[in-house]
Amino acid sequence: MNKSENNENKVKNNQEETEATQEDRKPWRDRVIEQIMIIRDEGHFNMFDANGVQRRAYEKDLFELVTFIDANKSNYGKFIMTGDPELITE
């Protein structure tokens, strides 16, 4: 690997680390909502099937969503019906 390729790899690695850090800085509520949308966009589950959604979230490493459904199943259902982000609480 020449010096130019080495520098390009360092830049790429730094960009990936920055993106991961920015994802970690998102508010918890935003991450949960984003994860709900990921499952919804797959189109494989009735979103009211909380257990199925939770299982799929676990398979996709969407652990904030898994935790939210486990702790707040009622608010999860209300969020699916209303879309009110205030229902997403830690």
Protein backbone atom coordinates (compact mmCIF):
# COMPACT_ATOMS: atom_id res chain seq x y z
CA MET A 1 0.00 0.00 0.00
CA ASN A 2 1.49 3.32 -1.00
CA LYS A 3 1.37 6.51 1.05
CA SER A 4 -1.55 7.98 -0.95
CA GLU A 5 -3.71 4.88 -0.44
CA ASN A 6 -2.85 4.87 3.26
CA ASN A 7 -3.95 8.51 3.62
CA GLU A 8 -7.19 7.80 1.72
CA ASN A 9 -7.95 4.92 4.08
CA LYS A 10 -7.32 7.13 7.12
CA VAL A 11 -9.70 9.78 5.76
CA LYS A 12 -12.36 7.15 5.04
CA ASN A 13 -12.00 5.66 8.54
CA ASN A 14 -12.27 9.13 10.12
CA GLN A 15 -15.46 9.83 8.14
CA GLU A 16 -16.99 6.52 9.27
CA GLU A 17 -16.08 7.25 12.91
CA THR A 18 -17.60 10.74 12.62
CA GLU A 19 -20.84 9.33 11.19
CA ALA A 20 -21.04 6.76 14.01
CA THR A 21 -20.43 9.46 16.61
CA GLN A 22 -23.13 11.68 15.10
CA GLU A 23 -25.57 8.74 15.22
CA ASP A 24 -24.77 8.26 18.92
CA ARG A 25 -25.47 11.94 19.58
CA LYS A 26 -29.00 11.82 18.16
CA PRO A 27 -31.62 12.14 20.87
CA TRP A 28 -32.96 8.78 22.03
CA ARG A 29 -36.48 9.67 20.83
CA ASP A 30 -35.20 10.40 17.31
CA ARG A 31 -33.32 7.09 17.18
CA VAL A 32 -36.43 5.14 18.28
CA ILE A 33 -38.63 6.88 15.70
CA GLU A 34 -36.03 6.26 12.99
CA GLN A 35 -35.89 2.59 13.97
CA ILE A 36 -39.69 2.30 13.85
CA MET A 37 -39.59 3.72 10.33
CA ILE A 38 -36.92 1.20 9.30
CA ILE A 39 -39.19 -1.69 10.32
CA ARG A 40 -42.26 -0.01 8.78
CA ASP A 41 -40.49 0.58 5.47
CA GLU A 42 -39.63 -3.13 5.19
CA GLY A 43 -43.37 -3.77 4.93
CA HIS A 44 -43.22 -7.24 6.49
CA PHE A 45 -45.17 -6.58 9.68
CA ASN A 46 -48.44 -5.12 10.79
CA MET A 47 -47.00 -2.36 12.96
CA PHE A 48 -49.55 -3.19 15.68
CA ASP A 49 -47.87 -6.60 16.03
CA ALA A 50 -45.57 -5.26 18.74
CA ASN A 51 -44.00 -8.67 19.40
CA GLY A 52 -43.20 -9.20 15.71
CA VAL A 53 -41.82 -5.68 15.36
CA GLN A 54 -39.75 -6.15 18.50
CA ARG A 55 -38.37 -9.48 17.26
CA ARG A 56 -37.43 -7.94 13.88
CA ALA A 57 -35.86 -4.95 15.61
CA TYR A 58 -33.72 -7.34 17.66
CA GLU A 59 -32.66 -9.20 14.51
CA LYS A 60 -31.59 -5.88 12.95
CA ASP A 61 -29.75 -4.70 16.12
CA LEU A 62 -32.23 -1.86 16.67
CA PHE A 63 -31.93 -2.12 20.42
CA GLU A 64 -33.43 1.24 21.38
CA LEU A 65 -36.66 0.13 19.70
CA VAL A 66 -36.53 -3.27 21.41
CA THR A 67 -36.12 -1.56 24.78
CA PHE A 68 -38.85 1.00 24.09
CA ILE A 69 -41.44 -1.61 23.11
CA ASP A 70 -40.52 -3.75 26.12
CA ALA A 71 -40.91 -0.86 28.56
CA ASN A 72 -43.74 1.09 26.87
CA LYS A 73 -45.92 -1.25 24.80
CA SER A 74 -48.98 0.96 25.35
CA ASN A 75 -47.16 4.11 24.20
CA TYR A 76 -45.75 2.19 21.23
CA GLY A 77 -49.30 1.37 20.07
CA LYS A 78 -50.46 4.94 20.65
CA PHE A 79 -47.48 6.24 18.65
CA ILE A 80 -48.35 3.92 15.75
CA MET A 81 -51.91 5.29 15.77
CA THR A 82 -51.11 8.98 16.24
CA GLY A 83 -47.48 9.58 15.29
CA ASP A 84 -47.12 11.79 18.38
CA PRO A 85 -43.37 11.87 19.18
CA GLU A 86 -44.11 12.89 22.78
CA LEU A 87 -45.20 9.28 23.38
CA ILE A 88 -41.62 8.08 22.86
CA THR A 89 -40.09 8.31 26.31
CA GLU A 90 -37.06 6.63 27.87
